[in-house]
Amino acid sequence: MKTLLRNRKALVGLVIIAFIVLVAIAAPLLTQYDPAARTGRPHQPPSLDHILGTTRIGQDVFARLIYGARTSLAVGFGAGLLITLVGTALGIISGYRGGKTDEIISFFTNMVLVVPNLPLLLVLAAFIGQASPLVIALILGATSWAWGARVTRAETLSVKQKDFVKSAEMMGEPQWRIMTFEIFPNLISIVGINFIGSVIFAIITEATLEFLGLGDPRAISWGTMLYNAQKASALSVGAWWDILTPCFALAFLGIGMSLLNFAVDEIANPRLRTGNHLKRWSLLVRSGEGRL
């Protein structure tokens, strides 16, 4: 954790994510308006009463933004956790057990990888109808685990050749204990990268599905905000605040998650840490110019 906090990218990313989470938790304290109720005139510009304006039916945009953060974060972290759990478990079992188990898991992994993810999600969501945020999270978790399983399997094949794993096998440790306490701790960085990437993917995909009208329009989330703003022709009538607010929120959260993902990747792979190398290179260039 100390190593993570010393990384500037990780620190900035954590601050952004923590800020969004705290705003979502404190939503009832930050606004007096009900996000689903009409509280002003249609498409009222930002003012002291409505700092981010109102929607076409007079709902407060700021209230919908901070309450919608709850739904979007819940879908993102819930689906990301499900994707990571399934992918990590299958990847470790496949890589360590080998044989028929590996063949069966690899078959299903390859089958899921071959099918285009977004079109599959669109078909499933359209088949279900107006999918609630919970259903969208379950769909994402059930269809997006294959990449994580493939990466985890590859790392497991490397780790299981280590001496401490061989020693545990010679001592008669059960396979579940070896996978849980010997192999898994050495895959924490890979699992962390998989989780962060899955959260980003889930939040963006949920917003995409809802923007296309495949979500529940009664739910309050950033995706439904985009859908309602597009349906109300917000940009055409000059109500830029109605559509740009959720866009900036998604971009802001994506930046925070991406910075954290880059930082974890740098910590896990020291070859990506270019800071010290750049400093040495600049010193060498300066010394070379001094000699000339």
C-alpha atoms as a PDB file:
ATOM      1  CA  MET A   1       0.000   0.000   0.000  1.00  0.00           C
ATOM      2  CA  LYS A   2       2.861   2.382   0.794  1.00  0.00           C
ATOM      3  CA  THR A   3       4.370   1.674  -2.628  1.00  0.00           C
ATOM      4  CA  LEU A   4       1.026   2.461  -4.240  1.00  0.00           C
ATOM      5  CA  LEU A   5       0.647   5.756  -2.380  1.00  0.00           C
ATOM      6  CA  ARG A   6       4.181   6.842  -3.351  1.00  0.00           C
ATOM      7  CA  ASN A   7       3.182   6.584  -7.015  1.00  0.00           C
ATOM      8  CA  ARG A   8       1.799   9.928  -8.265  1.00  0.00           C
ATOM      9  CA  LYS A   9      -0.571   8.338 -10.744  1.00  0.00           C
ATOM     10  CA  ALA A  10      -1.997   6.059  -8.069  1.00  0.00           C
ATOM     11  CA  LEU A  11      -2.387   8.928  -5.617  1.00  0.00           C
ATOM     12  CA  VAL A  12      -4.243  11.138  -8.100  1.00  0.00           C
ATOM     13  CA  GLY A  13      -6.410   8.221  -9.220  1.00  0.00           C
ATOM     14  CA  LEU A  14      -7.299   7.278  -5.643  1.00  0.00           C
ATOM     15  CA  VAL A  15      -8.187  10.888  -4.803  1.00  0.00           C
ATOM     16  CA  ILE A  16     -10.530  11.099  -7.815  1.00  0.00           C
ATOM     17  CA  ILE A  17     -12.220   7.781  -7.044  1.00  0.00           C
ATOM     18  CA  ALA A  18     -12.523   8.563  -3.326  1.00  0.00           C
ATOM     19  CA  PHE A  19     -14.068  11.955  -4.133  1.00  0.00           C
ATOM     20  CA  ILE A  20     -16.718  10.402  -6.412  1.00  0.00           C
ATOM     21  CA  VAL A  21     -17.506   7.654  -3.880  1.00  0.00           C
ATOM     22  CA  LEU A  22     -17.845  10.142  -1.021  1.00  0.00           C
ATOM     23  CA  VAL A  23     -20.126  12.388  -3.094  1.00  0.00           C
ATOM     24  CA  ALA A  24     -22.315   9.387  -3.945  1.00  0.00           C
ATOM     25  CA  ILE A  25     -22.535   8.306  -0.287  1.00  0.00           C
ATOM     26  CA  ALA A  26     -23.307  11.835   0.919  1.00  0.00           C
ATOM     27  CA  ALA A  27     -25.892  12.518  -1.813  1.00  0.00           C
ATOM     28  CA  PRO A  28     -28.804  13.163   0.616  1.00  0.00           C
ATOM     29  CA  LEU A  29     -26.667  15.739   2.433  1.00  0.00           C
ATOM     30  CA  LEU A  30     -25.559  17.568  -0.716  1.00  0.00           C
ATOM     31  CA  THR A  31     -28.957  18.276  -2.254  1.00  0.00           C
ATOM     32  CA  GLN A  32     -32.466  18.932  -1.035  1.00  0.00           C
ATOM     33  CA  TYR A  33     -34.109  17.741  -4.232  1.00  0.00           C
ATOM     34  CA  ASP A  34     -35.570  14.354  -5.086  1.00  0.00           C
ATOM     35  CA  PRO A  35     -33.773  13.178  -8.269  1.00  0.00           C
ATOM     36  CA  ALA A  36     -37.008  11.735  -9.675  1.00  0.00           C
ATOM     37  CA  ALA A  37     -39.291  14.668  -8.818  1.00  0.00           C
ATOM     38  CA  ARG A  38     -40.037  17.793 -10.836  1.00  0.00           C
ATOM     39  CA  THR A  39     -38.418  20.693  -8.988  1.00  0.00           C
ATOM     40  CA  GLY A  40     -38.150  23.470 -11.575  1.00  0.00           C
ATOM     41  CA  ARG A  41     -39.018  24.674 -15.051  1.00  0.00           C
ATOM     42  CA  PRO A  42     -38.111  22.496 -18.060  1.00  0.00           C
ATOM     43  CA  HIS A  43     -34.501  22.916 -19.195  1.00  0.00           C
ATOM     44  CA  GLN A  44     -33.805  25.678 -16.715  1.00  0.00           C
ATOM     45  CA  PRO A  45     -30.158  26.883 -17.084  1.00  0.00           C
ATOM     46  CA  PRO A  46     -27.713  26.551 -14.171  1.00  0.00           C
ATOM     47  CA  SER A  47     -28.579  28.956 -11.372  1.00  0.00           C
ATOM     48  CA  LEU A  48     -28.287  29.320  -7.618  1.00  0.00           C
ATOM     49  CA  ASP A  49     -31.400  27.180  -7.141  1.00  0.00           C
ATOM     50  CA  HIS A  50     -30.262  24.501  -9.616  1.00  0.00           C
ATOM     51  CA  ILE A  51     -26.482  24.654  -9.945  1.00  0.00           C
ATOM     52  CA  LEU A  52     -26.452  22.281 -12.926  1.00  0.00           C
ATOM     53  CA  GLY A  53     -29.828  23.245 -14.343  1.00  0.00           C
ATOM     54  CA  THR A  54     -32.835  21.021 -14.887  1.00  0.00           C
ATOM     55  CA  THR A  55     -33.924  18.360 -17.365  1.00  0.00           C
ATOM     56  CA  ARG A  56     -36.711  18.572 -19.918  1.00  0.00           C
ATOM     57  CA  ILE A  57     -39.294  17.622 -17.283  1.00  0.00           C
ATOM     58  CA  GLY A  58     -37.817  19.895 -14.623  1.00  0.00           C
ATOM     59  CA  GLN A  59     -35.719  17.420 -12.617  1.00  0.00           C
ATOM     60  CA  ASP A  60     -32.605  18.762 -10.891  1.00  0.00           C
ATOM     61  CA  VAL A  61     -29.545  17.633 -12.865  1.00  0.00           C
ATOM     62  CA  PHE A  62     -27.176  17.856  -9.890  1.00  0.00           C
ATOM     63  CA  ALA A  63     -29.423  15.619  -7.775  1.00  0.00           C
ATOM     64  CA  ARG A  64     -29.640  13.079 -10.594  1.00  0.00           C
ATOM     65  CA  LEU A  65     -25.867  13.249 -11.061  1.00  0.00           C
ATOM     66  CA  ILE A  66     -24.912  12.428  -7.471  1.00  0.00           C
ATOM     67  CA  TYR A  67     -27.680   9.876  -6.954  1.00  0.00           C
ATOM     68  CA  GLY A  68     -26.895   8.344 -10.349  1.00  0.00           C
ATOM     69  CA  ALA A  69     -23.278   7.926  -9.219  1.00  0.00           C
ATOM     70  CA  ARG A  70     -24.527   5.364  -6.706  1.00  0.00           C
ATOM     71  CA  THR A  71     -26.037   3.191  -9.415  1.00  0.00           C
ATOM     72  CA  SER A  72     -23.140   3.529 -11.850  1.00  0.00           C
ATOM     73  CA  LEU A  73     -20.547   2.788  -9.153  1.00  0.00           C
ATOM     74  CA  ALA A  74     -22.568  -0.165  -7.846  1.00  0.00           C
ATOM     75  CA  VAL A  75     -22.823  -1.668 -11.335  1.00  0.00           C
ATOM     76  CA  GLY A  76     -19.154  -1.002 -12.071  1.00  0.00           C
ATOM     77  CA  PHE A  77     -17.707  -2.400  -8.866  1.00  0.00           C
ATOM     78  CA  GLY A  78     -20.251  -5.217  -8.622  1.00  0.00           C
ATOM     79  CA  ALA A  79     -19.701  -6.412 -12.185  1.00  0.00           C
ATOM     80  CA  GLY A  80     -15.934  -5.854 -11.861  1.00  0.00           C
ATOM     81  CA  LEU A  81     -15.833  -7.979  -8.712  1.00  0.00           C
ATOM     82  CA  LEU A  82     -17.859 -10.756 -10.353  1.00  0.00           C
ATOM     83  CA  ILE A  83     -15.688 -10.707 -13.486  1.00  0.00           C
ATOM     84  CA  THR A  84     -12.515 -10.811 -11.394  1.00  0.00           C
ATOM     85  CA  LEU A  85     -13.706 -13.612  -9.105  1.00  0.00           C
ATOM     86  CA  VAL A  86     -14.805 -15.852 -11.970  1.00  0.00           C
ATOM     87  CA  GLY A  87     -11.766 -15.136 -14.134  1.00  0.00           C
ATOM     88  CA  THR A  88      -9.269 -15.562 -11.288  1.00  0.00           C
ATOM     89  CA  ALA A  89     -10.804 -18.788  -9.975  1.00  0.00           C
ATOM     90  CA  LEU A  90     -11.042 -20.416 -13.406  1.00  0.00           C
ATOM     91  CA  GLY A  91      -7.585 -19.206 -14.427  1.00  0.00           C
ATOM     92  CA  ILE A  92      -5.858 -20.590 -11.318  1.00  0.00           C
ATOM     93  CA  ILE A  93      -7.713 -23.916 -11.462  1.00  0.00           C
ATOM     94  CA  SER A  94      -7.018 -24.305 -15.173  1.00  0.00           C
ATOM     95  CA  GLY A  95      -3.340 -23.421 -14.896  1.00  0.00           C
ATOM     96  CA  TYR A  96      -2.589 -25.502 -11.817  1.00  0.00           C
ATOM     97  CA  ARG A  97      -4.702 -28.608 -12.395  1.00  0.00           C
ATOM     98  CA  GLY A  98      -3.905 -29.008 -16.101  1.00  0.00           C
ATOM     99  CA  GLY A  99      -5.072 -32.099 -17.996  1.00  0.00           C
ATOM    100  CA  LYS A 100      -8.782 -32.509 -18.722  1.00  0.00           C
ATOM    101  CA  THR A 101      -9.691 -29.690 -16.353  1.00  0.00           C
ATOM    102  CA  ASP A 102      -7.482 -27.280 -18.275  1.00  0.00           C
ATOM    103  CA  GLU A 103      -8.885 -28.457 -21.602  1.00  0.00           C
ATOM    104  CA  ILE A 104     -12.507 -27.967 -20.524  1.00  0.00           C
ATOM    105  CA  ILE A 105     -11.945 -24.521 -19.001  1.00  0.00           C
ATOM    106  CA  SER A 106      -9.794 -23.426 -21.946  1.00  0.00           C
ATOM    107  CA  PHE A 107     -12.523 -24.552 -24.362  1.00  0.00           C
ATOM    108  CA  PHE A 108     -15.160 -22.374 -22.706  1.00  0.00           C
ATOM    109  CA  THR A 109     -12.664 -19.505 -22.338  1.00  0.00           C
ATOM    110  CA  ASN A 110     -11.822 -19.586 -26.044  1.00  0.00           C
ATOM    111  CA  MET A 111     -15.507 -19.817 -26.914  1.00  0.00           C
ATOM    112  CA  VAL A 112     -16.315 -16.672 -24.891  1.00  0.00           C
ATOM    113  CA  LEU A 113     -13.280 -14.846 -26.312  1.00  0.00           C
ATOM    114  CA  VAL A 114     -14.275 -15.612 -29.905  1.00  0.00           C
ATOM    115  CA  VAL A 115     -17.776 -14.152 -29.534  1.00  0.00           C
ATOM    116  CA  PRO A 116     -17.715 -10.311 -29.892  1.00  0.00           C
ATOM    117  CA  ASN A 117     -18.506  -8.948 -26.453  1.00  0.00           C
ATOM    118  CA  LEU A 118     -20.474  -5.795 -27.196  1.00  0.00           C
ATOM    119  CA  PRO A 119     -22.810  -7.343 -29.824  1.00  0.00           C
ATOM    120  CA  LEU A 120     -23.461 -10.227 -27.416  1.00  0.00           C
ATOM    121  CA  LEU A 121     -24.331  -7.770 -24.650  1.00  0.00           C
ATOM    122  CA  LEU A 122     -26.649  -5.872 -26.997  1.00  0.00           C
ATOM    123  CA  VAL A 123     -28.449  -9.073 -28.005  1.00  0.00           C
ATOM    124  CA  LEU A 124     -28.853 -10.248 -24.399  1.00  0.00           C
ATOM    125  CA  ALA A 125     -30.038  -6.863 -23.180  1.00  0.00           C
ATOM    126  CA  ALA A 126     -32.489  -6.555 -26.087  1.00  0.00           C
ATOM    127  CA  PHE A 127     -33.794 -10.074 -25.412  1.00  0.00           C
ATOM    128  CA  ILE A 128     -34.370  -9.296 -21.733  1.00  0.00           C
ATOM    129  CA  GLY A 129     -35.985  -5.949 -22.504  1.00  0.00           C
ATOM    130  CA  GLN A 130     -35.579  -3.038 -20.114  1.00  0.00           C
ATOM    131  CA  ALA A 131     -32.752  -4.509 -18.061  1.00  0.00           C
ATOM    132  CA  SER A 132     -32.286  -3.164 -14.542  1.00  0.00           C
ATOM    133  CA  PRO A 133     -28.795  -2.151 -13.343  1.00  0.00           C
ATOM    134  CA  LEU A 134     -28.554  -5.444 -11.413  1.00  0.00           C
ATOM    135  CA  VAL A 135     -29.358  -7.462 -14.536  1.00  0.00           C
ATOM    136  CA  ILE A 136     -26.813  -5.473 -16.544  1.00  0.00           C
ATOM    137  CA  ALA A 137     -24.161  -6.187 -13.890  1.00  0.00           C
ATOM    138  CA  LEU A 138     -24.949  -9.917 -14.004  1.00  0.00           C
ATOM    139  CA  ILE A 139     -24.817  -9.953 -17.819  1.00  0.00           C
ATOM    140  CA  LEU A 140     -21.433  -8.220 -17.775  1.00  0.00           C
ATOM    141  CA  GLY A 141     -20.099 -10.624 -15.151  1.00  0.00           C
ATOM    142  CA  ALA A 142     -21.287 -13.670 -17.090  1.00  0.00           C
ATOM    143  CA  THR A 143     -19.844 -12.608 -20.449  1.00  0.00           C
ATOM    144  CA  SER A 144     -16.613 -10.725 -19.658  1.00  0.00           C
ATOM    145  CA  TRP A 145     -14.479 -13.048 -17.503  1.00  0.00           C
ATOM    146  CA  ALA A 146     -12.575 -14.819 -20.284  1.00  0.00           C
ATOM    147  CA  TRP A 147      -9.708 -12.328 -20.728  1.00  0.00           C
ATOM    148  CA  GLY A 148      -8.940 -12.345 -17.002  1.00  0.00           C
ATOM    149  CA  ALA A 149      -9.063 -16.137 -16.917  1.00  0.00           C
ATOM    150  CA  ARG A 150      -6.597 -16.392 -19.814  1.00  0.00           C
ATOM    151  CA  VAL A 151      -4.089 -13.980 -18.235  1.00  0.00           C
ATOM    152  CA  THR A 152      -4.396 -15.604 -14.793  1.00  0.00           C
ATOM    153  CA  ARG A 153      -3.881 -19.059 -16.286  1.00  0.00           C
ATOM    154  CA  ALA A 154      -0.672 -17.951 -18.001  1.00  0.00           C
ATOM    155  CA  GLU A 155       0.706 -16.493 -14.752  1.00  0.00           C
ATOM    156  CA  THR A 156      -0.327 -19.605 -12.816  1.00  0.00           C
ATOM    157  CA  LEU A 157       1.605 -21.838 -15.221  1.00  0.00           C
ATOM    158  CA  SER A 158       4.716 -19.799 -14.376  1.00  0.00           C
ATOM    159  CA  VAL A 159       4.181 -19.625 -10.611  1.00  0.00           C
ATOM    160  CA  LYS A 160       3.431 -23.326 -10.171  1.00  0.00           C
ATOM    161  CA  GLN A 161       6.983 -24.157 -11.287  1.00  0.00           C
ATOM    162  CA  LYS A 162       8.456 -22.219  -8.356  1.00  0.00           C
ATOM    163  CA  ASP A 163      10.290 -24.036  -5.577  1.00  0.00           C
ATOM    164  CA  PHE A 164       7.848 -23.050  -2.816  1.00  0.00           C
ATOM    165  CA  VAL A 165       4.962 -24.628  -4.749  1.00  0.00           C
ATOM    166  CA  LYS A 166       6.946 -27.818  -5.335  1.00  0.00           C
ATOM    167  CA  SER A 167       7.844 -27.917  -1.640  1.00  0.00           C
ATOM    168  CA  ALA A 168       4.188 -27.586  -0.655  1.00  0.00           C
ATOM    169  CA  GLU A 169       3.289 -30.447  -3.008  1.00  0.00           C
ATOM    170  CA  MET A 170       6.015 -32.652  -1.546  1.00  0.00           C
ATOM    171  CA  MET A 171       4.725 -31.944   1.964  1.00  0.00           C
ATOM    172  CA  GLY A 172       1.309 -33.263   0.929  1.00  0.00           C
ATOM    173  CA  GLU A 173      -0.597 -29.976   0.996  1.00  0.00           C
ATOM    174  CA  PRO A 174      -4.066 -30.275  -0.639  1.00  0.00           C
ATOM    175  CA  GLN A 175      -4.457 -28.644  -4.017  1.00  0.00           C
ATOM    176  CA  TRP A 176      -7.054 -26.108  -2.841  1.00  0.00           C
ATOM    177  CA  ARG A 177      -4.661 -24.877  -0.158  1.00  0.00           C
ATOM    178  CA  ILE A 178      -1.765 -24.588  -2.614  1.00  0.00           C
ATOM    179  CA  MET A 179      -3.904 -22.616  -5.059  1.00  0.00           C
ATOM    180  CA  THR A 180      -5.287 -20.371  -2.323  1.00  0.00           C
ATOM    181  CA  PHE A 181      -2.270 -19.710  -0.114  1.00  0.00           C
ATOM    182  CA  GLU A 182       0.734 -20.359  -2.359  1.00  0.00           C
ATOM    183  CA  ILE A 183      -0.278 -19.335  -5.883  1.00  0.00           C
ATOM    184  CA  PHE A 184      -2.965 -16.679  -5.400  1.00  0.00           C
ATOM    185  CA  PRO A 185      -0.840 -14.265  -3.275  1.00  0.00           C
ATOM    186  CA  ASN A 186       1.714 -14.154  -6.093  1.00  0.00           C
ATOM    187  CA  LEU A 187      -0.991 -13.087  -8.560  1.00  0.00           C
ATOM    188  CA  ILE A 188      -2.299 -10.105  -6.573  1.00  0.00           C
ATOM    189  CA  SER A 189      -0.925  -7.526  -9.020  1.00  0.00           C
ATOM    190  CA  ILE A 190      -2.493  -9.301 -12.014  1.00  0.00           C
ATOM    191  CA  VAL A 191      -5.798  -9.647 -10.163  1.00  0.00           C
ATOM    192  CA  GLY A 192      -5.696  -5.952  -9.234  1.00  0.00           C
ATOM    193  CA  ILE A 193      -5.133  -4.879 -12.832  1.00  0.00           C
ATOM    194  CA  ASN A 194      -7.920  -7.205 -13.966  1.00  0.00           C
ATOM    195  CA  PHE A 195     -10.329  -5.777 -11.372  1.00  0.00           C
ATOM    196  CA  ILE A 196      -9.634  -2.127 -12.183  1.00  0.00           C
ATOM    197  CA  GLY A 197      -9.915  -2.759 -15.925  1.00  0.00           C
ATOM    198  CA  SER A 198     -13.154  -4.676 -15.390  1.00  0.00           C
ATOM    199  CA  VAL A 199     -14.670  -1.831 -13.366  1.00  0.00           C
ATOM    200  CA  ILE A 200     -13.857   0.682 -16.113  1.00  0.00           C
ATOM    201  CA  PHE A 201     -15.313  -1.639 -18.745  1.00  0.00           C
ATOM    202  CA  ALA A 202     -18.473  -2.300 -16.713  1.00  0.00           C
ATOM    203  CA  ILE A 203     -19.222   1.378 -16.043  1.00  0.00           C
ATOM    204  CA  ILE A 204     -18.708   2.413 -19.673  1.00  0.00           C
ATOM    205  CA  THR A 205     -20.661  -0.577 -21.022  1.00  0.00           C
ATOM    206  CA  GLU A 206     -23.558  -0.006 -18.623  1.00  0.00           C
ATOM    207  CA  ALA A 207     -23.743   3.622 -19.724  1.00  0.00           C
ATOM    208  CA  THR A 208     -23.630   2.515 -23.382  1.00  0.00           C
ATOM    209  CA  LEU A 209     -26.449  -0.004 -22.998  1.00  0.00           C
ATOM    210  CA  GLU A 210     -28.637   2.504 -21.168  1.00  0.00           C
ATOM    211  CA  PHE A 211     -27.827   5.246 -23.677  1.00  0.00           C
ATOM    212  CA  LEU A 212     -29.073   2.917 -26.427  1.00  0.00           C
ATOM    213  CA  GLY A 213     -32.343   2.481 -24.536  1.00  0.00           C
ATOM    214  CA  LEU A 214     -31.720  -1.093 -23.367  1.00  0.00           C
ATOM    215  CA  GLY A 215     -31.739  -0.231 -19.667  1.00  0.00           C
ATOM    216  CA  ASP A 216     -34.548   0.608 -17.281  1.00  0.00           C
ATOM    217  CA  PRO A 217     -35.456   4.285 -17.955  1.00  0.00           C
ATOM    218  CA  ARG A 218     -36.838   4.583 -14.414  1.00  0.00           C
ATOM    219  CA  ALA A 219     -33.410   3.877 -12.916  1.00  0.00           C
ATOM    220  CA  ILE A 220     -31.280   6.867 -11.978  1.00  0.00           C
ATOM    221  CA  SER A 221     -27.786   6.461 -13.383  1.00  0.00           C
ATOM    222  CA  TRP A 222     -25.377   8.303 -15.634  1.00  0.00           C
ATOM    223  CA  GLY A 223     -26.413   6.099 -18.542  1.00  0.00           C
ATOM    224  CA  THR A 224     -30.113   6.919 -18.191  1.00  0.00           C
ATOM    225  CA  MET A 225     -29.197  10.607 -17.872  1.00  0.00           C
ATOM    226  CA  LEU A 226     -27.537  10.386 -21.278  1.00  0.00           C
ATOM    227  CA  TYR A 227     -30.501   8.490 -22.710  1.00  0.00           C
ATOM    228  CA  ASN A 228     -33.049  10.999 -21.433  1.00  0.00           C
ATOM    229  CA  ALA A 229     -30.958  13.976 -22.580  1.00  0.00           C
ATOM    230  CA  GLN A 230     -30.569  12.495 -26.059  1.00  0.00           C
ATOM    231  CA  LYS A 231     -34.276  11.676 -26.213  1.00  0.00           C
ATOM    232  CA  ALA A 232     -35.095  15.257 -25.215  1.00  0.00           C
ATOM    233  CA  SER A 233     -32.721  16.653 -27.910  1.00  0.00           C
ATOM    234  CA  ALA A 234     -30.808  18.546 -25.230  1.00  0.00           C
ATOM    235  CA  LEU A 235     -28.039  19.761 -27.531  1.00  0.00           C
ATOM    236  CA  SER A 236     -30.468  20.811 -30.251  1.00  0.00           C
ATOM    237  CA  VAL A 237     -32.396  23.074 -27.882  1.00  0.00           C
ATOM    238  CA  GLY A 238     -29.233  24.427 -26.240  1.00  0.00           C
ATOM    239  CA  ALA A 239     -29.537  22.559 -22.935  1.00  0.00           C
ATOM    240  CA  TRP A 240     -25.867  21.560 -22.953  1.00  0.00           C
ATOM    241  CA  TRP A 241     -25.813  21.009 -19.181  1.00  0.00           C
ATOM    242  CA  ASP A 242     -28.272  18.133 -19.483  1.00  0.00           C
ATOM    243  CA  ILE A 243     -25.997  15.941 -21.604  1.00  0.00           C
ATOM    244  CA  LEU A 244     -22.503  17.213 -20.809  1.00  0.00           C
ATOM    245  CA  THR A 245     -22.859  16.663 -17.050  1.00  0.00           C
ATOM    246  CA  PRO A 246     -22.975  12.823 -17.181  1.00  0.00           C
ATOM    247  CA  CYS A 247     -20.361  12.860 -19.974  1.00  0.00           C
ATOM    248  CA  PHE A 248     -17.870  14.733 -17.804  1.00  0.00           C
ATOM    249  CA  ALA A 249     -18.711  12.520 -14.820  1.00  0.00           C
ATOM    250  CA  LEU A 250     -17.961   9.349 -16.805  1.00  0.00           C
ATOM    251  CA  ALA A 251     -14.759  10.877 -18.186  1.00  0.00           C
ATOM    252  CA  PHE A 252     -13.652  12.008 -14.711  1.00  0.00           C
ATOM    253  CA  LEU A 253     -14.209   8.558 -13.210  1.00  0.00           C
ATOM    254  CA  GLY A 254     -12.521   6.900 -16.195  1.00  0.00           C
ATOM    255  CA  ILE A 255      -9.439   9.089 -15.741  1.00  0.00           C
ATOM    256  CA  GLY A 256      -9.203   8.162 -12.063  1.00  0.00           C
ATOM    257  CA  MET A 257      -9.561   4.434 -12.709  1.00  0.00           C
ATOM    258  CA  SER A 258      -7.102   4.563 -15.635  1.00  0.00           C
ATOM    259  CA  LEU A 259      -4.442   6.367 -13.576  1.00  0.00           C
ATOM    260  CA  LEU A 260      -4.815   3.762 -10.835  1.00  0.00           C
ATOM    261  CA  ASN A 261      -4.586   0.987 -13.423  1.00  0.00           C
ATOM    262  CA  PHE A 262      -1.396   2.463 -14.935  1.00  0.00           C
ATOM    263  CA  ALA A 263       0.135   2.783 -11.463  1.00  0.00           C
ATOM    264  CA  VAL A 264      -0.604  -0.818 -10.511  1.00  0.00           C
ATOM    265  CA  ASP A 265       0.838  -1.941 -13.854  1.00  0.00           C
ATOM    266  CA  GLU A 266       4.040   0.039 -13.224  1.00  0.00           C
ATOM    267  CA  ILE A 267       4.405  -1.402  -9.713  1.00  0.00           C
ATOM    268  CA  ALA A 268       3.814  -4.942 -10.972  1.00  0.00           C
ATOM    269  CA  ASN A 269       6.199  -4.504 -13.915  1.00  0.00           C
ATOM    270  CA  PRO A 270       9.346  -2.549 -12.923  1.00  0.00           C
ATOM    271  CA  ARG A 271      10.392  -2.259 -16.577  1.00  0.00           C
ATOM    272  CA  LEU A 272       7.572   0.250 -17.069  1.00  0.00           C
ATOM    273  CA  ARG A 273       9.035   2.644 -14.501  1.00  0.00           C
ATOM    274  CA  THR A 274      10.705   5.107 -16.842  1.00  0.00           C
ATOM    275  CA  GLY A 275      11.154   7.994 -14.426  1.00  0.00           C
ATOM    276  CA  ASN A 276      14.643   7.099 -13.181  1.00  0.00           C
ATOM    277  CA  HIS A 277      15.808   6.121 -16.661  1.00  0.00           C
ATOM    278  CA  LEU A 278      14.712   9.477 -18.073  1.00  0.00           C
ATOM    279  CA  LYS A 279      16.556  11.333 -15.313  1.00  0.00           C
ATOM    280  CA  ARG A 280      19.744   9.352 -15.982  1.00  0.00           C
ATOM    281  CA  TRP A 281      19.412   9.978 -19.712  1.00  0.00           C
ATOM    282  CA  SER A 282      19.002  13.735 -19.184  1.00  0.00           C
ATOM    283  CA  LEU A 283      22.055  13.774 -16.892  1.00  0.00           C
ATOM    284  CA  LEU A 284      24.110  11.931 -19.491  1.00  0.00           C
ATOM    285  CA  VAL A 285      22.997  14.386 -22.193  1.00  0.00           C
ATOM    286  CA  ARG A 286      23.912  17.360 -20.036  1.00  0.00           C
ATOM    287  CA  SER A 287      27.300  15.900 -19.141  1.00  0.00           C
ATOM    288  CA  GLY A 288      27.955  15.215 -22.827  1.00  0.00           C
ATOM    289  CA  GLU A 289      27.101  18.808 -23.726  1.00  0.00           C
ATOM    290  CA  GLY A 290      29.391  20.067 -20.957  1.00  0.00           C
ATOM    291  CA  ARG A 291      32.289  18.116 -22.355  1.00  0.00           C
ATOM    292  CA  LEU A 292      31.677  19.478 -25.817  1.00  0.00           C
END
